Amino acid sequence: MWLAYLLRVFERIAYNNSGQKVFDSYFTSIWNVVITMTTVGYGDIASISVFGRLISMINAIWGAFIISMLVASIGKIFTPSDNQAKAIEEIK
């Protein structure tokens, strides 16, 4: 959530100077962070300032890390232990 707040702060200044209202709400910033972290990347709302793009890159890297940790955890749950592997071999 703090990344969404930083994104809103930096992007609001950049968009106000250009006359557009994109990051005018906190929800829009949260939506952008979630879309970036899940690597969906619709592209309809994008950062234009240097700091906003830096925050978006941090979001993308952090999102990839979180997703990889989730996949590794789920994989660990479904990996058979030594006792299960021995039982499977006995059945064969």
N, C-alpha and C. Protein backbone atom coordinates (compact mmCIF):
# COMPACT_ATOMS: atom_id res chain seq x y z
N MET A 1 0.81 -1.19 0.00
CA MET A 1 0.00 0.00 0.00
C MET A 1 0.86 1.27 0.00
N TRP A 2 2.03 1.16 0.60
CA TRP A 2 2.88 2.34 0.63
C TRP A 2 3.44 2.64 -0.76
N LEU A 3 3.60 1.60 -1.59
CA LEU A 3 4.05 1.84 -2.96
C LEU A 3 2.98 2.58 -3.75
N ALA A 4 1.72 2.26 -3.50
CA ALA A 4 0.62 2.97 -4.17
C ALA A 4 0.59 4.43 -3.75
N TYR A 5 0.85 4.67 -2.47
CA TYR A 5 0.86 6.06 -1.99
C TYR A 5 2.00 6.85 -2.64
N LEU A 6 3.19 6.26 -2.68
CA LEU A 6 4.32 6.94 -3.33
C LEU A 6 4.06 7.18 -4.81
N LEU A 7 3.47 6.18 -5.47
CA LEU A 7 3.14 6.32 -6.88
C LEU A 7 2.17 7.48 -7.10
N ARG A 8 1.16 7.56 -6.25
CA ARG A 8 0.18 8.65 -6.37
C ARG A 8 0.84 10.01 -6.15
N VAL A 9 1.71 10.09 -5.16
CA VAL A 9 2.37 11.38 -4.86
C VAL A 9 3.20 11.85 -6.05
N PHE A 10 4.03 10.97 -6.59
CA PHE A 10 4.92 11.39 -7.67
C PHE A 10 4.19 11.56 -9.00
N GLU A 11 3.26 10.68 -9.29
CA GLU A 11 2.56 10.76 -10.58
C GLU A 11 1.52 11.88 -10.61
N ARG A 12 0.95 12.20 -9.47
CA ARG A 12 -0.04 13.28 -9.44
C ARG A 12 0.58 14.60 -9.88
N ILE A 13 1.79 14.83 -9.44
CA ILE A 13 2.50 16.06 -9.84
C ILE A 13 2.74 16.07 -11.34
N ALA A 14 3.21 14.95 -11.88
CA ALA A 14 3.51 14.87 -13.31
C ALA A 14 2.24 15.02 -14.15
N TYR A 15 1.16 14.37 -13.74
CA TYR A 15 -0.07 14.44 -14.52
C TYR A 15 -0.77 15.79 -14.37
N ASN A 16 -0.64 16.43 -13.20
CA ASN A 16 -1.23 17.76 -13.04
C ASN A 16 -0.56 18.77 -13.95
N ASN A 17 0.75 18.61 -14.17
CA ASN A 17 1.47 19.51 -15.07
C ASN A 17 1.04 19.31 -16.53
N SER A 18 0.61 18.08 -16.87
CA SER A 18 0.21 17.82 -18.25
C SER A 18 -1.29 18.03 -18.47
N GLY A 19 -2.03 18.28 -17.39
CA GLY A 19 -3.46 18.55 -17.51
C GLY A 19 -4.34 17.32 -17.48
N GLN A 20 -3.76 16.14 -17.32
CA GLN A 20 -4.54 14.90 -17.26
C GLN A 20 -4.83 14.54 -15.81
N LYS A 21 -5.91 13.82 -15.59
CA LYS A 21 -6.24 13.35 -14.24
C LYS A 21 -6.28 11.83 -14.26
N VAL A 22 -5.15 11.21 -14.02
CA VAL A 22 -5.07 9.76 -14.02
C VAL A 22 -4.91 9.24 -12.60
N PHE A 23 -3.96 9.71 -11.88
CA PHE A 23 -3.73 9.28 -10.50
C PHE A 23 -4.40 10.24 -9.53
N ASP A 24 -5.66 10.58 -9.79
CA ASP A 24 -6.36 11.52 -8.94
C ASP A 24 -6.95 10.85 -7.71
N SER A 25 -7.01 9.52 -7.68
CA SER A 25 -7.53 8.83 -6.49
C SER A 25 -6.52 7.78 -6.02
N TYR A 26 -6.60 7.48 -4.76
CA TYR A 26 -5.72 6.48 -4.17
C TYR A 26 -6.05 5.09 -4.73
N PHE A 27 -7.32 4.84 -5.00
CA PHE A 27 -7.74 3.55 -5.55
C PHE A 27 -7.10 3.30 -6.92
N THR A 28 -6.97 4.33 -7.73
CA THR A 28 -6.33 4.18 -9.04
C THR A 28 -4.87 3.76 -8.86
N SER A 29 -4.20 4.33 -7.89
CA SER A 29 -2.81 3.97 -7.62
C SER A 29 -2.70 2.54 -7.12
N ILE A 30 -3.62 2.13 -6.23
CA ILE A 30 -3.61 0.75 -5.75
C ILE A 30 -3.85 -0.21 -6.91
N TRP A 31 -4.81 0.13 -7.78
CA TRP A 31 -5.11 -0.72 -8.93
C TRP A 31 -3.87 -0.87 -9.81
N ASN A 32 -3.17 0.23 -10.05
CA ASN A 32 -1.96 0.18 -10.88
C ASN A 32 -0.91 -0.70 -10.24
N VAL A 33 -0.72 -0.60 -8.93
CA VAL A 33 0.27 -1.42 -8.23
C VAL A 33 -0.09 -2.90 -8.32
N VAL A 34 -1.36 -3.24 -8.11
CA VAL A 34 -1.78 -4.64 -8.16
C VAL A 34 -1.60 -5.20 -9.57
N ILE A 35 -1.98 -4.44 -10.58
CA ILE A 35 -1.84 -4.90 -11.97
C ILE A 35 -0.37 -5.08 -12.32
N THR A 36 0.49 -4.20 -11.82
CA THR A 36 1.92 -4.32 -12.08
C THR A 36 2.51 -5.51 -11.34
N MET A 37 2.12 -5.71 -10.06
CA MET A 37 2.68 -6.80 -9.26
C MET A 37 2.27 -8.16 -9.77
N THR A 38 1.09 -8.27 -10.33
CA THR A 38 0.64 -9.56 -10.84
C THR A 38 1.10 -9.79 -12.27
N THR A 39 1.87 -8.90 -12.81
CA THR A 39 2.45 -8.93 -14.15
C THR A 39 1.39 -9.03 -15.25
N VAL A 40 0.19 -8.53 -14.97
CA VAL A 40 -0.85 -8.47 -16.00
C VAL A 40 -0.54 -7.33 -16.95
N GLY A 41 -0.33 -6.13 -16.40
CA GLY A 41 0.10 -4.98 -17.17
C GLY A 41 -0.82 -4.56 -18.29
N TYR A 42 -2.04 -4.14 -17.96
CA TYR A 42 -2.98 -3.72 -18.98
C TYR A 42 -2.46 -2.54 -19.80
N GLY A 43 -1.79 -1.59 -19.18
CA GLY A 43 -1.20 -0.48 -19.90
C GLY A 43 -2.09 0.72 -20.08
N ASP A 44 -3.32 0.68 -19.56
CA ASP A 44 -4.20 1.84 -19.71
C ASP A 44 -3.84 2.95 -18.74
N ILE A 45 -3.19 2.63 -17.64
CA ILE A 45 -2.68 3.64 -16.71
C ILE A 45 -1.20 3.35 -16.54
N ALA A 46 -0.37 4.29 -16.93
CA ALA A 46 1.07 4.07 -16.86
C ALA A 46 1.76 5.28 -16.23
N SER A 47 2.89 5.03 -15.63
CA SER A 47 3.67 6.09 -15.01
C SER A 47 4.40 6.90 -16.08
N ILE A 48 4.48 8.21 -15.84
CA ILE A 48 5.21 9.06 -16.79
C ILE A 48 6.41 9.76 -16.16
N SER A 49 6.43 9.86 -14.82
CA SER A 49 7.56 10.52 -14.18
C SER A 49 8.67 9.51 -13.92
N VAL A 50 9.86 10.00 -13.69
CA VAL A 50 11.01 9.13 -13.44
C VAL A 50 10.80 8.34 -12.16
N PHE A 51 10.36 9.01 -11.10
CA PHE A 51 10.15 8.33 -9.83
C PHE A 51 8.98 7.35 -9.93
N GLY A 52 7.94 7.70 -10.67
CA GLY A 52 6.82 6.80 -10.87
C GLY A 52 7.23 5.54 -11.60
N ARG A 53 8.07 5.69 -12.62
CA ARG A 53 8.56 4.52 -13.35
C ARG A 53 9.48 3.67 -12.47
N LEU A 54 10.28 4.30 -11.63
CA LEU A 54 11.13 3.57 -10.70
C LEU A 54 10.27 2.77 -9.73
N ILE A 55 9.23 3.37 -9.20
CA ILE A 55 8.32 2.67 -8.30
C ILE A 55 7.64 1.52 -9.03
N SER A 56 7.26 1.72 -10.28
CA SER A 56 6.64 0.64 -11.06
C SER A 56 7.60 -0.52 -11.28
N MET A 57 8.88 -0.22 -11.49
CA MET A 57 9.87 -1.28 -11.64
C MET A 57 10.04 -2.06 -10.33
N ILE A 58 10.05 -1.35 -9.22
CA ILE A 58 10.13 -2.01 -7.92
C ILE A 58 8.90 -2.89 -7.71
N ASN A 59 7.72 -2.38 -8.10
CA ASN A 59 6.49 -3.18 -8.01
C ASN A 59 6.60 -4.45 -8.83
N ALA A 60 7.09 -4.36 -10.04
CA ALA A 60 7.19 -5.53 -10.92
C ALA A 60 8.15 -6.57 -10.34
N ILE A 61 9.30 -6.12 -9.84
CA ILE A 61 10.28 -7.05 -9.26
C ILE A 61 9.71 -7.68 -7.99
N TRP A 62 9.09 -6.86 -7.14
CA TRP A 62 8.51 -7.37 -5.90
C TRP A 62 7.37 -8.36 -6.21
N GLY A 63 6.56 -8.05 -7.22
CA GLY A 63 5.48 -8.94 -7.61
C GLY A 63 6.00 -10.28 -8.11
N ALA A 64 7.05 -10.26 -8.90
CA ALA A 64 7.65 -11.51 -9.39
C ALA A 64 8.20 -12.32 -8.22
N PHE A 65 8.78 -11.65 -7.25
CA PHE A 65 9.31 -12.32 -6.06
C PHE A 65 8.18 -12.97 -5.27
N ILE A 66 7.10 -12.25 -5.05
CA ILE A 66 5.98 -12.78 -4.27
C ILE A 66 5.34 -13.97 -4.98
N ILE A 67 5.14 -13.87 -6.29
CA ILE A 67 4.55 -14.97 -7.05
C ILE A 67 5.48 -16.19 -7.02
N SER A 68 6.78 -15.99 -7.15
CA SER A 68 7.71 -17.13 -7.12
C SER A 68 7.73 -17.78 -5.74
N MET A 69 7.61 -16.99 -4.68
CA MET A 69 7.54 -17.56 -3.33
C MET A 69 6.26 -18.36 -3.15
N LEU A 70 5.17 -17.89 -3.71
CA LEU A 70 3.90 -18.61 -3.63
C LEU A 70 4.00 -19.95 -4.37
N VAL A 71 4.56 -19.93 -5.56
CA VAL A 71 4.71 -21.16 -6.34
C VAL A 71 5.64 -22.14 -5.62
N ALA A 72 6.73 -21.65 -5.06
CA ALA A 72 7.66 -22.52 -4.33
C ALA A 72 7.00 -23.13 -3.10
N SER A 73 6.20 -22.35 -2.40
CA SER A 73 5.50 -22.85 -1.22
C SER A 73 4.50 -23.93 -1.58
N ILE A 74 3.74 -23.70 -2.63
CA ILE A 74 2.76 -24.69 -3.06
C ILE A 74 3.47 -25.95 -3.56
N GLY A 75 4.57 -25.79 -4.25
CA GLY A 75 5.35 -26.94 -4.70
C GLY A 75 5.90 -27.75 -3.54
N LYS A 76 6.32 -27.06 -2.49
CA LYS A 76 6.84 -27.74 -1.29
C LYS A 76 5.75 -28.55 -0.61
N ILE A 77 4.53 -28.04 -0.62
CA ILE A 77 3.42 -28.75 0.01
C ILE A 77 3.14 -30.07 -0.71
N PHE A 78 3.23 -30.06 -2.02
CA PHE A 78 2.90 -31.24 -2.80
C PHE A 78 4.09 -32.17 -3.07
N THR A 79 5.26 -31.85 -2.59
CA THR A 79 6.43 -32.72 -2.74
C THR A 79 6.35 -33.83 -1.69
N PRO A 80 6.43 -35.08 -2.11
CA PRO A 80 6.33 -36.17 -1.13
C PRO A 80 7.56 -36.21 -0.23
N SER A 81 7.33 -36.55 1.03
CA SER A 81 8.45 -36.68 1.96
C SER A 81 9.15 -38.02 1.74
N ASP A 82 10.22 -38.28 2.49
CA ASP A 82 10.97 -39.54 2.34
C ASP A 82 10.09 -40.74 2.70
N ASN A 83 9.29 -40.59 3.75
CA ASN A 83 8.42 -41.70 4.15
C ASN A 83 7.38 -42.00 3.07
N GLN A 84 6.85 -40.96 2.46
CA GLN A 84 5.87 -41.16 1.40
C GLN A 84 6.53 -41.79 0.18
N ALA A 85 7.75 -41.36 -0.13
CA ALA A 85 8.46 -41.92 -1.28
C ALA A 85 8.74 -43.41 -1.07
N LYS A 86 9.12 -43.80 0.17
CA LYS A 86 9.36 -45.21 0.47
C LYS A 86 8.06 -46.02 0.35
N ALA A 87 6.97 -45.45 0.81
CA ALA A 87 5.69 -46.14 0.73
C ALA A 87 5.26 -46.33 -0.72
N ILE A 88 5.53 -45.33 -1.55
CA ILE A 88 5.19 -45.43 -2.97
C ILE A 88 6.01 -46.53 -3.64
N GLU A 89 7.29 -46.62 -3.29
CA GLU A 89 8.16 -47.65 -3.87
C GLU A 89 7.78 -49.04 -3.39
N GLU A 90 7.30 -49.14 -2.14
CA GLU A 90 6.86 -50.45 -1.65
C GLU A 90 5.62 -50.93 -2.40
N ILE A 91 4.76 -49.99 -2.76
CA ILE A 91 3.55 -50.35 -3.49
C ILE A 91 3.90 -50.85 -4.88
N LYS A 92 4.93 -50.28 -5.48
CA LYS A 92 5.35 -50.69 -6.83
C LYS A 92 5.90 -52.07 -6.76
